[in-house]
Amino acid sequence: MIALTSAIQAAFISGSINFSSSPDGGIILQDSGENATTSLAAAAGIKSWTMAEVETGSGSFGSVADGSVVRFLQPWIFDSSTTMTPLWTIAGPEAFSFDMTSSSTVYRSKHFLAIRGTGFLTGNGFNDTPATWWFTTQGVAAEGKFTWSSSIVAHAVPDGGTTIILLGGSLLGLSGLRRHFKGCRLRPT
């Protein structure tokens, strides 16, 4: 007889969450010399973030209230393989954070900047989950600050073979039952 047991495991994070700056917030960009800049084309990183907040969340992020404060590590250099642990954090009972392992510029012009980062999401009661983070900023700086937005999407994680083990065990069980009952025949009464 085969006995199957399973351990209780935390779930992986699913869904997405979007951030931006509040109307009075924004970002200050820095050039490669770590000086503040108002040029998207010359920007090498973010010197500081002010008033970052959650816009909306879905899936595992559905319990995070819109307008929740998001704290970012600063400075952040765009094209970096340096791990940023964590790049951002949402505090509270629904705490989430993102450890970025790498980032690269996807598109840059004098009016638009798009950065892609990869890493792992962590959250209370969840397993670390691979994720991709997108950051964009556009337009012209107002009082030296840019508006910006970002989103992160958790990636589906394979189940590690549990489904195959359960399927294989079921097929073995059915095979055993078939052999057991193969010689049995129903007799009419």
C-alpha atoms as a PDB file:
ATOM      1  CA  MET A   1       0.000   0.000   0.000  1.00  0.00           C
ATOM      2  CA  ILE A   2       1.306   3.444  -0.872  1.00  0.00           C
ATOM      3  CA  ALA A   3       0.586   6.306   1.492  1.00  0.00           C
ATOM      4  CA  LEU A   4       0.750   9.841   0.150  1.00  0.00           C
ATOM      5  CA  THR A   5       1.265  12.759   2.493  1.00  0.00           C
ATOM      6  CA  SER A   6       1.640  16.432   1.784  1.00  0.00           C
ATOM      7  CA  ALA A   7       3.243  19.187   3.777  1.00  0.00           C
ATOM      8  CA  ILE A   8       1.534  22.493   4.295  1.00  0.00           C
ATOM      9  CA  GLN A   9       3.243  25.037   2.070  1.00  0.00           C
ATOM     10  CA  ALA A  10       2.802  28.733   1.549  1.00  0.00           C
ATOM     11  CA  ALA A  11       1.391  29.837  -1.797  1.00  0.00           C
ATOM     12  CA  PHE A  12       3.230  31.808  -4.436  1.00  0.00           C
ATOM     13  CA  ILE A  13       2.308  35.443  -5.031  1.00  0.00           C
ATOM     14  CA  SER A  14      -0.007  35.998  -7.995  1.00  0.00           C
ATOM     15  CA  GLY A  15      -1.394  39.057  -9.745  1.00  0.00           C
ATOM     16  CA  SER A  16       0.016  42.519 -10.229  1.00  0.00           C
ATOM     17  CA  ILE A  17       0.318  45.862  -8.455  1.00  0.00           C
ATOM     18  CA  ASN A  18       0.783  49.387  -9.836  1.00  0.00           C
ATOM     19  CA  PHE A  19       2.532  52.363  -8.226  1.00  0.00           C
ATOM     20  CA  SER A  20       2.918  56.051  -8.986  1.00  0.00           C
ATOM     21  CA  SER A  21       3.719  59.260  -7.185  1.00  0.00           C
ATOM     22  CA  SER A  22       0.991  61.231  -5.475  1.00  0.00           C
ATOM     23  CA  PRO A  23       0.187  64.629  -7.065  1.00  0.00           C
ATOM     24  CA  ASP A  24       2.760  66.377  -4.832  1.00  0.00           C
ATOM     25  CA  GLY A  25       5.426  63.667  -5.231  1.00  0.00           C
ATOM     26  CA  GLY A  26       7.779  62.547  -7.941  1.00  0.00           C
ATOM     27  CA  ILE A  27      11.325  61.438  -8.600  1.00  0.00           C
ATOM     28  CA  ILE A  28      14.599  63.263  -8.981  1.00  0.00           C
ATOM     29  CA  LEU A  29      16.819  61.713 -11.627  1.00  0.00           C
ATOM     30  CA  GLN A  30      20.609  61.579 -11.503  1.00  0.00           C
ATOM     31  CA  ASP A  31      23.211  61.381 -14.248  1.00  0.00           C
ATOM     32  CA  SER A  32      26.225  59.043 -14.289  1.00  0.00           C
ATOM     33  CA  GLY A  33      28.121  61.548 -12.132  1.00  0.00           C
ATOM     34  CA  GLU A  34      25.369  61.304  -9.458  1.00  0.00           C
ATOM     35  CA  ASN A  35      24.243  64.899 -10.144  1.00  0.00           C
ATOM     36  CA  ALA A  36      20.538  65.751 -10.345  1.00  0.00           C
ATOM     37  CA  THR A  37      19.370  66.028 -13.945  1.00  0.00           C
ATOM     38  CA  THR A  38      16.168  66.998 -15.746  1.00  0.00           C
ATOM     39  CA  SER A  39      17.206  65.124 -18.903  1.00  0.00           C
ATOM     40  CA  LEU A  40      15.606  61.705 -19.454  1.00  0.00           C
ATOM     41  CA  ALA A  41      18.234  61.012 -22.118  1.00  0.00           C
ATOM     42  CA  ALA A  42      21.070  61.573 -19.600  1.00  0.00           C
ATOM     43  CA  ALA A  43      19.426  59.841 -16.623  1.00  0.00           C
ATOM     44  CA  ALA A  44      21.437  56.956 -15.155  1.00  0.00           C
ATOM     45  CA  GLY A  45      19.329  56.434 -12.050  1.00  0.00           C
ATOM     46  CA  ILE A  46      16.953  57.850  -9.478  1.00  0.00           C
ATOM     47  CA  LYS A  47      18.470  60.049  -6.802  1.00  0.00           C
ATOM     48  CA  SER A  48      15.288  60.181  -4.694  1.00  0.00           C
ATOM     49  CA  TRP A  49      11.614  59.158  -4.635  1.00  0.00           C
ATOM     50  CA  THR A  50       8.938  61.221  -2.909  1.00  0.00           C
ATOM     51  CA  MET A  51       5.388  60.261  -2.021  1.00  0.00           C
ATOM     52  CA  ALA A  52       5.191  56.891  -3.813  1.00  0.00           C
ATOM     53  CA  GLU A  53       1.876  55.102  -3.392  1.00  0.00           C
ATOM     54  CA  VAL A  54      -0.128  52.084  -4.549  1.00  0.00           C
ATOM     55  CA  GLU A  55      -2.556  52.793  -7.403  1.00  0.00           C
ATOM     56  CA  THR A  56      -4.214  49.384  -7.631  1.00  0.00           C
ATOM     57  CA  GLY A  57      -3.526  45.706  -7.032  1.00  0.00           C
ATOM     58  CA  SER A  58      -4.961  42.363  -8.123  1.00  0.00           C
ATOM     59  CA  GLY A  59      -4.569  38.733  -7.073  1.00  0.00           C
ATOM     60  CA  SER A  60      -2.428  38.439  -3.938  1.00  0.00           C
ATOM     61  CA  PHE A  61      -2.126  42.245  -3.911  1.00  0.00           C
ATOM     62  CA  GLY A  62      -5.913  42.723  -3.827  1.00  0.00           C
ATOM     63  CA  SER A  63      -5.874  43.358  -0.060  1.00  0.00           C
ATOM     64  CA  VAL A  64      -3.398  46.248  -0.361  1.00  0.00           C
ATOM     65  CA  ALA A  65      -5.328  49.507  -0.056  1.00  0.00           C
ATOM     66  CA  ASP A  66      -5.068  52.014  -2.907  1.00  0.00           C
ATOM     67  CA  GLY A  67      -2.963  54.938  -1.671  1.00  0.00           C
ATOM     68  CA  SER A  68      -0.782  52.742   0.609  1.00  0.00           C
ATOM     69  CA  VAL A  69       2.724  54.139   1.046  1.00  0.00           C
ATOM     70  CA  VAL A  70       5.539  52.499  -0.935  1.00  0.00           C
ATOM     71  CA  ARG A  71       9.120  53.013   0.274  1.00  0.00           C
ATOM     72  CA  PHE A  72      11.926  52.821  -2.307  1.00  0.00           C
ATOM     73  CA  LEU A  73      15.633  52.257  -1.835  1.00  0.00           C
ATOM     74  CA  GLN A  74      17.626  55.220  -3.109  1.00  0.00           C
ATOM     75  CA  PRO A  75      19.613  55.862  -5.154  1.00  0.00           C
ATOM     76  CA  TRP A  76      18.709  53.304  -7.800  1.00  0.00           C
ATOM     77  CA  ILE A  77      21.040  52.903 -10.808  1.00  0.00           C
ATOM     78  CA  PHE A  78      19.091  51.730 -13.873  1.00  0.00           C
ATOM     79  CA  ASP A  79      21.418  49.390 -15.754  1.00  0.00           C
ATOM     80  CA  SER A  80      22.754  47.412 -12.855  1.00  0.00           C
ATOM     81  CA  SER A  81      23.336  43.795 -11.945  1.00  0.00           C
ATOM     82  CA  THR A  82      23.652  44.827  -8.297  1.00  0.00           C
ATOM     83  CA  THR A  83      20.886  43.307  -6.180  1.00  0.00           C
ATOM     84  CA  MET A  84      18.658  45.969  -4.640  1.00  0.00           C
ATOM     85  CA  THR A  85      17.313  44.368  -1.442  1.00  0.00           C
ATOM     86  CA  PRO A  86      14.581  45.439  -1.300  1.00  0.00           C
ATOM     87  CA  LEU A  87      14.051  47.947  -4.102  1.00  0.00           C
ATOM     88  CA  TRP A  88      10.613  48.715  -2.699  1.00  0.00           C
ATOM     89  CA  THR A  89       8.510  47.804   0.343  1.00  0.00           C
ATOM     90  CA  ILE A  90       4.846  48.163   1.280  1.00  0.00           C
ATOM     91  CA  ALA A  91       4.509  48.041   5.065  1.00  0.00           C
ATOM     92  CA  GLY A  92       1.545  46.810   7.076  1.00  0.00           C
ATOM     93  CA  PRO A  93      -0.271  43.524   7.573  1.00  0.00           C
ATOM     94  CA  GLU A  94      -0.230  42.938   3.799  1.00  0.00           C
ATOM     95  CA  ALA A  95       3.528  43.646   3.609  1.00  0.00           C
ATOM     96  CA  PHE A  96       5.191  42.988   0.261  1.00  0.00           C
ATOM     97  CA  SER A  97       8.660  43.789  -1.047  1.00  0.00           C
ATOM     98  CA  PHE A  98      10.656  43.331  -4.248  1.00  0.00           C
ATOM     99  CA  ASP A  99      14.308  42.273  -4.306  1.00  0.00           C
ATOM    100  CA  MET A 100      15.582  43.302  -7.728  1.00  0.00           C
ATOM    101  CA  THR A 101      18.439  41.163  -9.058  1.00  0.00           C
ATOM    102  CA  SER A 102      18.996  43.084 -12.314  1.00  0.00           C
ATOM    103  CA  SER A 103      17.620  45.954 -14.370  1.00  0.00           C
ATOM    104  CA  SER A 104      18.131  47.323 -17.857  1.00  0.00           C
ATOM    105  CA  THR A 105      16.932  50.200 -20.018  1.00  0.00           C
ATOM    106  CA  VAL A 106      14.356  49.025 -22.546  1.00  0.00           C
ATOM    107  CA  TYR A 107      13.735  52.403 -24.214  1.00  0.00           C
ATOM    108  CA  ARG A 108      15.163  55.897 -23.774  1.00  0.00           C
ATOM    109  CA  SER A 109      14.508  59.189 -25.531  1.00  0.00           C
ATOM    110  CA  LYS A 110      14.420  62.810 -24.435  1.00  0.00           C
ATOM    111  CA  HIS A 111      10.684  62.407 -23.673  1.00  0.00           C
ATOM    112  CA  PHE A 112      10.324  58.811 -22.417  1.00  0.00           C
ATOM    113  CA  LEU A 113      12.248  56.268 -20.328  1.00  0.00           C
ATOM    114  CA  ALA A 114      11.333  52.596 -19.738  1.00  0.00           C
ATOM    115  CA  ILE A 115      13.269  50.277 -17.410  1.00  0.00           C
ATOM    116  CA  ARG A 116      12.715  46.548 -16.821  1.00  0.00           C
ATOM    117  CA  GLY A 117      13.831  44.818 -13.638  1.00  0.00           C
ATOM    118  CA  THR A 118      13.746  41.178 -12.602  1.00  0.00           C
ATOM    119  CA  GLY A 119      13.886  39.658  -9.156  1.00  0.00           C
ATOM    120  CA  PHE A 120      11.758  38.140  -6.413  1.00  0.00           C
ATOM    121  CA  LEU A 121       8.616  39.266  -4.617  1.00  0.00           C
ATOM    122  CA  THR A 122       8.230  38.459  -0.932  1.00  0.00           C
ATOM    123  CA  GLY A 123       5.120  38.786   1.187  1.00  0.00           C
ATOM    124  CA  ASN A 124       3.743  37.697   4.553  1.00  0.00           C
ATOM    125  CA  GLY A 125       2.586  34.076   4.243  1.00  0.00           C
ATOM    126  CA  PHE A 126       3.883  33.652   0.669  1.00  0.00           C
ATOM    127  CA  ASN A 127       6.832  31.878  -0.913  1.00  0.00           C
ATOM    128  CA  ASP A 128       9.397  34.050  -2.702  1.00  0.00           C
ATOM    129  CA  THR A 129       8.058  34.467  -6.243  1.00  0.00           C
ATOM    130  CA  PRO A 130       9.919  35.417  -9.451  1.00  0.00           C
ATOM    131  CA  ALA A 131       8.642  38.704 -10.898  1.00  0.00           C
ATOM    132  CA  THR A 132       9.238  41.373 -13.529  1.00  0.00           C
ATOM    133  CA  TRP A 133       9.013  45.058 -12.591  1.00  0.00           C
ATOM    134  CA  TRP A 134       8.445  47.866 -15.118  1.00  0.00           C
ATOM    135  CA  PHE A 135       9.232  51.510 -14.468  1.00  0.00           C
ATOM    136  CA  THR A 136       8.360  54.391 -16.827  1.00  0.00           C
ATOM    137  CA  THR A 137       8.655  58.151 -16.712  1.00  0.00           C
ATOM    138  CA  GLN A 138       7.822  60.658 -19.395  1.00  0.00           C
ATOM    139  CA  GLY A 139       7.445  64.327 -20.148  1.00  0.00           C
ATOM    140  CA  VAL A 140       9.238  67.330 -18.747  1.00  0.00           C
ATOM    141  CA  ALA A 141      10.298  67.809 -15.139  1.00  0.00           C
ATOM    142  CA  ALA A 142       8.190  70.202 -13.077  1.00  0.00           C
ATOM    143  CA  GLU A 143      10.259  71.886 -10.374  1.00  0.00           C
ATOM    144  CA  GLY A 144      13.001  69.312 -11.021  1.00  0.00           C
ATOM    145  CA  LYS A 145      10.664  66.345 -10.397  1.00  0.00           C
ATOM    146  CA  PHE A 146       9.246  63.850 -12.882  1.00  0.00           C
ATOM    147  CA  THR A 147       5.982  61.966 -12.593  1.00  0.00           C
ATOM    148  CA  TRP A 148       6.337  58.221 -13.012  1.00  0.00           C
ATOM    149  CA  SER A 149       4.498  54.925 -12.854  1.00  0.00           C
ATOM    150  CA  SER A 150       5.400  51.299 -12.391  1.00  0.00           C
ATOM    151  CA  SER A 151       3.876  47.859 -12.305  1.00  0.00           C
ATOM    152  CA  ILE A 152       5.021  44.420 -11.253  1.00  0.00           C
ATOM    153  CA  VAL A 153       3.733  41.044 -12.375  1.00  0.00           C
ATOM    154  CA  ALA A 154       4.338  37.810 -10.482  1.00  0.00           C
ATOM    155  CA  HIS A 155       5.285  34.844 -12.688  1.00  0.00           C
ATOM    156  CA  ALA A 156       3.605  31.452 -12.462  1.00  0.00           C
ATOM    157  CA  VAL A 157       5.821  28.947 -10.688  1.00  0.00           C
ATOM    158  CA  PRO A 158       5.862  25.234 -11.571  1.00  0.00           C
ATOM    159  CA  ASP A 159       4.533  22.975  -8.843  1.00  0.00           C
ATOM    160  CA  GLY A 160       7.831  21.094  -8.466  1.00  0.00           C
ATOM    161  CA  GLY A 161       6.461  17.741  -9.683  1.00  0.00           C
ATOM    162  CA  THR A 162       3.669  17.213  -7.169  1.00  0.00           C
ATOM    163  CA  THR A 163       1.065  16.854  -9.932  1.00  0.00           C
ATOM    164  CA  ILE A 164       3.121  14.208 -11.744  1.00  0.00           C
ATOM    165  CA  ILE A 165       3.679  12.263  -8.510  1.00  0.00           C
ATOM    166  CA  LEU A 166      -0.043  12.272  -7.716  1.00  0.00           C
ATOM    167  CA  LEU A 167      -0.961  11.272 -11.283  1.00  0.00           C
ATOM    168  CA  GLY A 168       1.622   8.459 -11.296  1.00  0.00           C
ATOM    169  CA  GLY A 169       0.433   7.196  -7.909  1.00  0.00           C
ATOM    170  CA  SER A 170      -3.170   7.193  -9.108  1.00  0.00           C
ATOM    171  CA  LEU A 171      -2.291   5.236 -12.242  1.00  0.00           C
ATOM    172  CA  LEU A 172      -0.340   2.678 -10.191  1.00  0.00           C
ATOM    173  CA  GLY A 173      -3.314   2.318  -7.855  1.00  0.00           C
ATOM    174  CA  LEU A 174      -5.728   1.777 -10.746  1.00  0.00           C
ATOM    175  CA  SER A 175      -3.357  -0.780 -12.277  1.00  0.00           C
ATOM    176  CA  GLY A 176      -3.219  -2.663  -8.972  1.00  0.00           C
ATOM    177  CA  LEU A 177      -7.015  -2.667  -8.655  1.00  0.00           C
ATOM    178  CA  ARG A 178      -7.364  -3.937 -12.213  1.00  0.00           C
ATOM    179  CA  ARG A 179      -5.005  -6.858 -11.527  1.00  0.00           C
ATOM    180  CA  HIS A 180      -6.780  -7.656  -8.276  1.00  0.00           C
ATOM    181  CA  PHE A 181     -10.215  -7.802  -9.874  1.00  0.00           C
ATOM    182  CA  LYS A 182      -9.120  -9.322 -13.204  1.00  0.00           C
ATOM    183  CA  GLY A 183      -9.876 -12.871 -12.085  1.00  0.00           C
ATOM    184  CA  CYS A 184     -13.184 -11.946 -10.422  1.00  0.00           C
ATOM    185  CA  ARG A 185     -16.313 -12.437 -12.437  1.00  0.00           C
ATOM    186  CA  LEU A 186     -19.867 -11.622 -11.554  1.00  0.00           C
ATOM    187  CA  ARG A 187     -22.081 -14.708 -11.429  1.00  0.00           C
ATOM    188  CA  PRO A 188     -25.732 -14.510 -12.281  1.00  0.00           C
ATOM    189  CA  THR A 189     -28.106 -15.484  -9.473  1.00  0.00           C
END
